[in-house]
Amino acid sequence: MLGAIIIGILAGWLAGKVVRGRGFGLIADLVLGLIGGVIGRWVFQQLAIQGPSGALGALVVATVGAVILVGIAHAVRSV
């Protein structure tokens, strides 16, 4: 559980850096990373992509999902 939280925070922070150039804050980074992990896992499964394994793999998948989530949020916000 602690590992998932740490990976979630890191993934959310990385997504913030990729999309906005900075993080969103600890709580927002955690939420983005955790939800991003679910989205990323689903996207990787739908595309039949075998992601890297272990903690680094989980971080990559969660970051990809968090970037997708932030992109969707920006698209909805600008409409």
PDB file of N, CA and C in Angstrom:
ATOM      1  N   MET A   1       0.834  -1.195   0.000  1.00  0.00           N
ATOM      2  CA  MET A   1       0.000   0.000   0.000  1.00  0.00           C
ATOM      3  C   MET A   1       0.874   1.253   0.000  1.00  0.00           C
ATOM      4  N   LEU A   2       1.889   1.264   0.833  1.00  0.00           N
ATOM      5  CA  LEU A   2       2.784   2.419   0.892  1.00  0.00           C
ATOM      6  C   LEU A   2       3.508   2.598  -0.434  1.00  0.00           C
ATOM      7  N   GLY A   3       3.900   1.488  -1.055  1.00  0.00           N
ATOM      8  CA  GLY A   3       4.564   1.555  -2.357  1.00  0.00           C
ATOM      9  C   GLY A   3       3.660   2.169  -3.414  1.00  0.00           C
ATOM     10  N   ALA A   4       2.377   1.795  -3.413  1.00  0.00           N
ATOM     11  CA  ALA A   4       1.425   2.349  -4.373  1.00  0.00           C
ATOM     12  C   ALA A   4       1.243   3.846  -4.159  1.00  0.00           C
ATOM     13  N   ILE A   5       1.232   4.271  -2.923  1.00  0.00           N
ATOM     14  CA  ILE A   5       1.097   5.703  -2.617  1.00  0.00           C
ATOM     15  C   ILE A   5       2.319   6.465  -3.116  1.00  0.00           C
ATOM     16  N   ILE A   6       3.497   5.925  -2.857  1.00  0.00           N
ATOM     17  CA  ILE A   6       4.728   6.585  -3.298  1.00  0.00           C
ATOM     18  C   ILE A   6       4.779   6.656  -4.819  1.00  0.00           C
ATOM     19  N   ILE A   7       4.460   5.555  -5.483  1.00  0.00           N
ATOM     20  CA  ILE A   7       4.443   5.545  -6.947  1.00  0.00           C
ATOM     21  C   ILE A   7       3.385   6.512  -7.466  1.00  0.00           C
ATOM     22  N   GLY A   8       2.231   6.564  -6.815  1.00  0.00           N
ATOM     23  CA  GLY A   8       1.180   7.497  -7.216  1.00  0.00           C
ATOM     24  C   GLY A   8       1.625   8.944  -7.108  1.00  0.00           C
ATOM     25  N   ILE A   9       2.284   9.300  -6.023  1.00  0.00           N
ATOM     26  CA  ILE A   9       2.778  10.666  -5.855  1.00  0.00           C
ATOM     27  C   ILE A   9       3.805  10.994  -6.930  1.00  0.00           C
ATOM     28  N   LEU A  10       4.737  10.074  -7.152  1.00  0.00           N
ATOM     29  CA  LEU A  10       5.766  10.304  -8.168  1.00  0.00           C
ATOM     30  C   LEU A  10       5.153  10.424  -9.566  1.00  0.00           C
ATOM     31  N   ALA A  11       4.204   9.544  -9.884  1.00  0.00           N
ATOM     32  CA  ALA A  11       3.565   9.580 -11.206  1.00  0.00           C
ATOM     33  C   ALA A  11       2.790  10.879 -11.400  1.00  0.00           C
ATOM     34  N   GLY A  12       2.072  11.312 -10.388  1.00  0.00           N
ATOM     35  CA  GLY A  12       1.335  12.574 -10.477  1.00  0.00           C
ATOM     36  C   GLY A  12       2.264  13.759 -10.629  1.00  0.00           C
ATOM     37  N   TRP A  13       3.361  13.743  -9.904  1.00  0.00           N
ATOM     38  CA  TRP A  13       4.343  14.817  -9.994  1.00  0.00           C
ATOM     39  C   TRP A  13       4.968  14.844 -11.393  1.00  0.00           C
ATOM     40  N   LEU A  14       5.330  13.655 -11.899  1.00  0.00           N
ATOM     41  CA  LEU A  14       5.908  13.577 -13.244  1.00  0.00           C
ATOM     42  C   LEU A  14       4.912  14.071 -14.295  1.00  0.00           C
ATOM     43  N   ALA A  15       3.655  13.694 -14.157  1.00  0.00           N
ATOM     44  CA  ALA A  15       2.631  14.162 -15.094  1.00  0.00           C
ATOM     45  C   ALA A  15       2.512  15.678 -15.031  1.00  0.00           C
ATOM     46  N   GLY A  16       2.575  16.237 -13.834  1.00  0.00           N
ATOM     47  CA  GLY A  16       2.542  17.697 -13.688  1.00  0.00           C
ATOM     48  C   GLY A  16       3.719  18.355 -14.374  1.00  0.00           C
ATOM     49  N   LYS A  17       4.892  17.741 -14.266  1.00  0.00           N
ATOM     50  CA  LYS A  17       6.092  18.283 -14.914  1.00  0.00           C
ATOM     51  C   LYS A  17       5.959  18.207 -16.432  1.00  0.00           C
ATOM     52  N   VAL A  18       5.429  17.088 -16.928  1.00  0.00           N
ATOM     53  CA  VAL A  18       5.296  16.900 -18.372  1.00  0.00           C
ATOM     54  C   VAL A  18       4.273  17.876 -18.950  1.00  0.00           C
ATOM     55  N   VAL A  19       3.150  18.036 -18.291  1.00  0.00           N
ATOM     56  CA  VAL A  19       2.050  18.820 -18.847  1.00  0.00           C
ATOM     57  C   VAL A  19       2.172  20.302 -18.517  1.00  0.00           C
ATOM     58  N   ARG A  20       2.509  20.643 -17.295  1.00  0.00           N
ATOM     59  CA  ARG A  20       2.487  22.043 -16.869  1.00  0.00           C
ATOM     60  C   ARG A  20       3.858  22.599 -16.518  1.00  0.00           C
ATOM     61  N   GLY A  21       4.860  21.760 -16.378  1.00  0.00           N
ATOM     62  CA  GLY A  21       6.176  22.237 -15.998  1.00  0.00           C
ATOM     63  C   GLY A  21       6.395  22.273 -14.490  1.00  0.00           C
ATOM     64  N   ARG A  22       5.378  21.880 -13.723  1.00  0.00           N
ATOM     65  CA  ARG A  22       5.505  21.797 -12.257  1.00  0.00           C
ATOM     66  C   ARG A  22       4.456  20.826 -11.741  1.00  0.00           C
ATOM     67  N   GLY A  23       4.583  20.427 -10.509  1.00  0.00           N
ATOM     68  CA  GLY A  23       3.608  19.525  -9.916  1.00  0.00           C
ATOM     69  C   GLY A  23       2.318  20.249  -9.583  1.00  0.00           C
ATOM     70  N   PHE A  24       1.329  19.499  -9.112  1.00  0.00           N
ATOM     71  CA  PHE A  24       0.035  20.077  -8.764  1.00  0.00           C
ATOM     72  C   PHE A  24      -0.161  20.215  -7.263  1.00  0.00           C
ATOM     73  N   GLY A  25       0.785  19.779  -6.464  1.00  0.00           N
ATOM     74  CA  GLY A  25       0.641  19.730  -5.019  1.00  0.00           C
ATOM     75  C   GLY A  25       0.543  18.279  -4.581  1.00  0.00           C
ATOM     76  N   LEU A  26       0.892  17.998  -3.350  1.00  0.00           N
ATOM     77  CA  LEU A  26       1.011  16.627  -2.866  1.00  0.00           C
ATOM     78  C   LEU A  26      -0.274  15.823  -3.031  1.00  0.00           C
ATOM     79  N   ILE A  27      -1.387  16.348  -2.575  1.00  0.00           N
ATOM     80  CA  ILE A  27      -2.650  15.604  -2.631  1.00  0.00           C
ATOM     81  C   ILE A  27      -3.095  15.409  -4.081  1.00  0.00           C
ATOM     82  N   ALA A  28      -3.033  16.467  -4.885  1.00  0.00           N
ATOM     83  CA  ALA A  28      -3.435  16.356  -6.290  1.00  0.00           C
ATOM     84  C   ALA A  28      -2.519  15.389  -7.037  1.00  0.00           C
ATOM     85  N   ASP A  29      -1.213  15.441  -6.762  1.00  0.00           N
ATOM     86  CA  ASP A  29      -0.275  14.515  -7.390  1.00  0.00           C
ATOM     87  C   ASP A  29      -0.608  13.078  -7.027  1.00  0.00           C
ATOM     88  N   LEU A  30      -0.946  12.833  -5.772  1.00  0.00           N
ATOM     89  CA  LEU A  30      -1.304  11.491  -5.323  1.00  0.00           C
ATOM     90  C   LEU A  30      -2.554  10.994  -6.044  1.00  0.00           C
ATOM     91  N   VAL A  31      -3.575  11.822  -6.090  1.00  0.00           N
ATOM     92  CA  VAL A  31      -4.829  11.429  -6.742  1.00  0.00           C
ATOM     93  C   VAL A  31      -4.602  11.192  -8.233  1.00  0.00           C
ATOM     94  N   LEU A  32      -3.883  12.105  -8.888  1.00  0.00           N
ATOM     95  CA  LEU A  32      -3.588  11.939 -10.312  1.00  0.00           C
ATOM     96  C   LEU A  32      -2.818  10.657 -10.570  1.00  0.00           C
ATOM     97  N   GLY A  33      -1.840  10.380  -9.723  1.00  0.00           N
ATOM     98  CA  GLY A  33      -1.032   9.182  -9.909  1.00  0.00           C
ATOM     99  C   GLY A  33      -1.813   7.898  -9.693  1.00  0.00           C
ATOM    100  N   LEU A  34      -2.646   7.870  -8.664  1.00  0.00           N
ATOM    101  CA  LEU A  34      -3.424   6.663  -8.376  1.00  0.00           C
ATOM    102  C   LEU A  34      -4.474   6.409  -9.463  1.00  0.00           C
ATOM    103  N   ILE A  35      -5.200   7.442  -9.846  1.00  0.00           N
ATOM    104  CA  ILE A  35      -6.184   7.280 -10.918  1.00  0.00           C
ATOM    105  C   ILE A  35      -5.462   7.022 -12.240  1.00  0.00           C
ATOM    106  N   GLY A  36      -4.340   7.697 -12.429  1.00  0.00           N
ATOM    107  CA  GLY A  36      -3.539   7.486 -13.632  1.00  0.00           C
ATOM    108  C   GLY A  36      -3.041   6.062 -13.751  1.00  0.00           C
ATOM    109  N   GLY A  37      -2.731   5.424 -12.636  1.00  0.00           N
ATOM    110  CA  GLY A  37      -2.309   4.029 -12.664  1.00  0.00           C
ATOM    111  C   GLY A  37      -3.393   3.123 -13.207  1.00  0.00           C
ATOM    112  N   VAL A  38      -4.620   3.387 -12.822  1.00  0.00           N
ATOM    113  CA  VAL A  38      -5.755   2.600 -13.315  1.00  0.00           C
ATOM    114  C   VAL A  38      -5.968   2.870 -14.804  1.00  0.00           C
ATOM    115  N   ILE A  39      -5.951   4.140 -15.178  1.00  0.00           N
ATOM    116  CA  ILE A  39      -6.138   4.496 -16.589  1.00  0.00           C
ATOM    117  C   ILE A  39      -5.004   3.931 -17.430  1.00  0.00           C
ATOM    118  N   GLY A  40      -3.786   4.093 -16.966  1.00  0.00           N
ATOM    119  CA  GLY A  40      -2.630   3.592 -17.708  1.00  0.00           C
ATOM    120  C   GLY A  40      -2.670   2.089 -17.892  1.00  0.00           C
ATOM    121  N   ARG A  41      -3.020   1.364 -16.842  1.00  0.00           N
ATOM    122  CA  ARG A  41      -3.119  -0.098 -16.942  1.00  0.00           C
ATOM    123  C   ARG A  41      -4.181  -0.488 -17.971  1.00  0.00           C
ATOM    124  N   TRP A  42      -5.330   0.204 -17.947  1.00  0.00           N
ATOM    125  CA  TRP A  42      -6.397  -0.085 -18.890  1.00  0.00           C
ATOM    126  C   TRP A  42      -5.950   0.203 -20.325  1.00  0.00           C
ATOM    127  N   VAL A  43      -5.306   1.351 -20.543  1.00  0.00           N
ATOM    128  CA  VAL A  43      -4.843   1.718 -21.886  1.00  0.00           C
ATOM    129  C   VAL A  43      -3.824   0.708 -22.394  1.00  0.00           C
ATOM    130  N   PHE A  44      -2.876   0.329 -21.552  1.00  0.00           N
ATOM    131  CA  PHE A  44      -1.861  -0.641 -21.961  1.00  0.00           C
ATOM    132  C   PHE A  44      -2.504  -1.978 -22.316  1.00  0.00           C
ATOM    133  N   GLN A  45      -3.508  -2.400 -21.554  1.00  0.00           N
ATOM    134  CA  GLN A  45      -4.201  -3.652 -21.853  1.00  0.00           C
ATOM    135  C   GLN A  45      -4.973  -3.557 -23.165  1.00  0.00           C
ATOM    136  N   GLN A  46      -5.652  -2.443 -23.397  1.00  0.00           N
ATOM    137  CA  GLN A  46      -6.438  -2.277 -24.620  1.00  0.00           C
ATOM    138  C   GLN A  46      -5.552  -2.266 -25.860  1.00  0.00           C
ATOM    139  N   LEU A  47      -4.352  -1.729 -25.723  1.00  0.00           N
ATOM    140  CA  LEU A  47      -3.424  -1.674 -26.849  1.00  0.00           C
ATOM    141  C   LEU A  47      -2.521  -2.897 -26.915  1.00  0.00           C
ATOM    142  N   ALA A  48      -2.738  -3.848 -26.011  1.00  0.00           N
ATOM    143  CA  ALA A  48      -1.948  -5.082 -25.942  1.00  0.00           C
ATOM    144  C   ALA A  48      -0.453  -4.791 -25.832  1.00  0.00           C
ATOM    145  N   ILE A  49      -0.121  -3.798 -24.997  1.00  0.00           N
ATOM    146  CA  ILE A  49       1.272  -3.426 -24.758  1.00  0.00           C
ATOM    147  C   ILE A  49       1.705  -4.055 -23.444  1.00  0.00           C
ATOM    148  N   GLN A  50       2.786  -4.793 -23.496  1.00  0.00           N
ATOM    149  CA  GLN A  50       3.359  -5.372 -22.284  1.00  0.00           C
ATOM    150  C   GLN A  50       4.309  -4.336 -21.697  1.00  0.00           C
ATOM    151  N   GLY A  51       3.860  -3.653 -20.666  1.00  0.00           N
ATOM    152  CA  GLY A  51       4.685  -2.625 -20.034  1.00  0.00           C
ATOM    153  C   GLY A  51       5.818  -3.239 -19.242  1.00  0.00           C
ATOM    154  N   PRO A  52       6.783  -2.428 -18.873  1.00  0.00           N
ATOM    155  CA  PRO A  52       7.883  -2.929 -18.051  1.00  0.00           C
ATOM    156  C   PRO A  52       7.364  -3.416 -16.699  1.00  0.00           C
ATOM    157  N   SER A  53       8.081  -4.334 -16.085  1.00  0.00           N
ATOM    158  CA  SER A  53       7.615  -4.899 -14.814  1.00  0.00           C
ATOM    159  C   SER A  53       8.292  -4.201 -13.638  1.00  0.00           C
ATOM    160  N   GLY A  54       7.789  -4.491 -12.461  1.00  0.00           N
ATOM    161  CA  GLY A  54       8.364  -3.958 -11.234  1.00  0.00           C
ATOM    162  C   GLY A  54       7.898  -2.547 -10.935  1.00  0.00           C
ATOM    163  N   ALA A  55       8.574  -1.926  -9.982  1.00  0.00           N
ATOM    164  CA  ALA A  55       8.198  -0.586  -9.536  1.00  0.00           C
ATOM    165  C   ALA A  55       8.387   0.443 -10.650  1.00  0.00           C
ATOM    166  N   LEU A  56       9.450   0.296 -11.425  1.00  0.00           N
ATOM    167  CA  LEU A  56       9.682   1.237 -12.523  1.00  0.00           C
ATOM    168  C   LEU A  56       8.574   1.115 -13.567  1.00  0.00           C
ATOM    169  N   GLY A  57       8.152  -0.100 -13.853  1.00  0.00           N
ATOM    170  CA  GLY A  57       7.061  -0.315 -14.796  1.00  0.00           C
ATOM    171  C   GLY A  57       5.764   0.295 -14.304  1.00  0.00           C
ATOM    172  N   ALA A  58       5.477   0.114 -13.023  1.00  0.00           N
ATOM    173  CA  ALA A  58       4.267   0.697 -12.443  1.00  0.00           C
ATOM    174  C   ALA A  58       4.321   2.222 -12.520  1.00  0.00           C
ATOM    175  N   LEU A  59       5.499   2.784 -12.299  1.00  0.00           N
ATOM    176  CA  LEU A  59       5.663   4.236 -12.381  1.00  0.00           C
ATOM    177  C   LEU A  59       5.428   4.727 -13.808  1.00  0.00           C
ATOM    178  N   VAL A  60       5.950   4.021 -14.793  1.00  0.00           N
ATOM    179  CA  VAL A  60       5.766   4.402 -16.199  1.00  0.00           C
ATOM    180  C   VAL A  60       4.289   4.338 -16.570  1.00  0.00           C
ATOM    181  N   VAL A  61       3.631   3.238 -16.238  1.00  0.00           N
ATOM    182  CA  VAL A  61       2.215   3.067 -16.583  1.00  0.00           C
ATOM    183  C   VAL A  61       1.362   4.127 -15.885  1.00  0.00           C
ATOM    184  N   ALA A  62       1.609   4.369 -14.601  1.00  0.00           N
ATOM    185  CA  ALA A  62       0.841   5.369 -13.861  1.00  0.00           C
ATOM    186  C   ALA A  62       1.089   6.768 -14.403  1.00  0.00           C
ATOM    187  N   THR A  63       2.311   7.071 -14.801  1.00  0.00           N
ATOM    188  CA  THR A  63       2.616   8.389 -15.351  1.00  0.00           C
ATOM    189  C   THR A  63       1.918   8.594 -16.687  1.00  0.00           C
ATOM    190  N   VAL A  64       1.937   7.590 -17.538  1.00  0.00           N
ATOM    191  CA  VAL A  64       1.231   7.684 -18.821  1.00  0.00           C
ATOM    192  C   VAL A  64      -0.260   7.922 -18.570  1.00  0.00           C
ATOM    193  N   GLY A  65      -0.842   7.177 -17.652  1.00  0.00           N
ATOM    194  CA  GLY A  65      -2.258   7.357 -17.333  1.00  0.00           C
ATOM    195  C   GLY A  65      -2.552   8.728 -16.752  1.00  0.00           C
ATOM    196  N   ALA A  66      -1.664   9.225 -15.897  1.00  0.00           N
ATOM    197  CA  ALA A  66      -1.869  10.546 -15.296  1.00  0.00           C
ATOM    198  C   ALA A  66      -1.753  11.644 -16.343  1.00  0.00           C
ATOM    199  N   VAL A  67      -0.838  11.504 -17.292  1.00  0.00           N
ATOM    200  CA  VAL A  67      -0.720  12.491 -18.372  1.00  0.00           C
ATOM    201  C   VAL A  67      -1.991  12.490 -19.212  1.00  0.00           C
ATOM    202  N   ILE A  68      -2.522  11.310 -19.500  1.00  0.00           N
ATOM    203  CA  ILE A  68      -3.791  11.216 -20.236  1.00  0.00           C
ATOM    204  C   ILE A  68      -4.900  11.904 -19.450  1.00  0.00           C
ATOM    205  N   LEU A  69      -4.968  11.642 -18.151  1.00  0.00           N
ATOM    206  CA  LEU A  69      -5.996  12.244 -17.301  1.00  0.00           C
ATOM    207  C   LEU A  69      -5.879  13.764 -17.279  1.00  0.00           C
ATOM    208  N   VAL A  70      -4.684  14.283 -17.152  1.00  0.00           N
ATOM    209  CA  VAL A  70      -4.486  15.734 -17.145  1.00  0.00           C
ATOM    210  C   VAL A  70      -4.859  16.327 -18.503  1.00  0.00           C
ATOM    211  N   GLY A  71      -4.497  15.627 -19.582  1.00  0.00           N
ATOM    212  CA  GLY A  71      -4.870  16.100 -20.920  1.00  0.00           C
ATOM    213  C   GLY A  71      -6.377  16.181 -21.095  1.00  0.00           C
ATOM    214  N   ILE A  72      -7.073  15.171 -20.621  1.00  0.00           N
ATOM    215  CA  ILE A  72      -8.543  15.176 -20.689  1.00  0.00           C
ATOM    216  C   ILE A  72      -9.107  16.314 -19.859  1.00  0.00           C
ATOM    217  N   ALA A  73      -8.561  16.522 -18.668  1.00  0.00           N
ATOM    218  CA  ALA A  73      -9.038  17.606 -17.794  1.00  0.00           C
ATOM    219  C   ALA A  73      -8.829  18.972 -18.453  1.00  0.00           C
ATOM    220  N   HIS A  74      -7.689  19.156 -19.097  1.00  0.00           N
ATOM    221  CA  HIS A  74      -7.432  20.427 -19.791  1.00  0.00           C
ATOM    222  C   HIS A  74      -8.395  20.612 -20.963  1.00  0.00           C
ATOM    223  N   ALA A  75      -8.681  19.528 -21.699  1.00  0.00           N
ATOM    224  CA  ALA A  75      -9.601  19.611 -22.834  1.00  0.00           C
ATOM    225  C   ALA A  75     -11.011  19.956 -22.374  1.00  0.00           C
ATOM    226  N   VAL A  76     -11.448  19.343 -21.292  1.00  0.00           N
ATOM    227  CA  VAL A  76     -12.792  19.628 -20.761  1.00  0.00           C
ATOM    228  C   VAL A  76     -12.864  21.039 -20.213  1.00  0.00           C
ATOM    229  N   ARG A  77     -11.809  21.470 -19.560  1.00  0.00           N
ATOM    230  CA  ARG A  77     -11.780  22.808 -18.957  1.00  0.00           C
ATOM    231  C   ARG A  77     -11.838  23.905 -20.024  1.00  0.00           C
ATOM    232  N   SER A  78     -11.200  23.664 -21.180  1.00  0.00           N
ATOM    233  CA  SER A  78     -11.140  24.700 -22.216  1.00  0.00           C
ATOM    234  C   SER A  78     -12.396  24.762 -23.075  1.00  0.00           C
ATOM    235  N   VAL A  79     -13.309  23.807 -22.880  1.00  0.00           N
ATOM    236  CA  VAL A  79     -14.550  23.818 -23.682  1.00  0.00           C
ATOM    237  C   VAL A  79     -15.562  24.730 -23.074  1.00  0.00           C
TER     238      VAL A  79
END
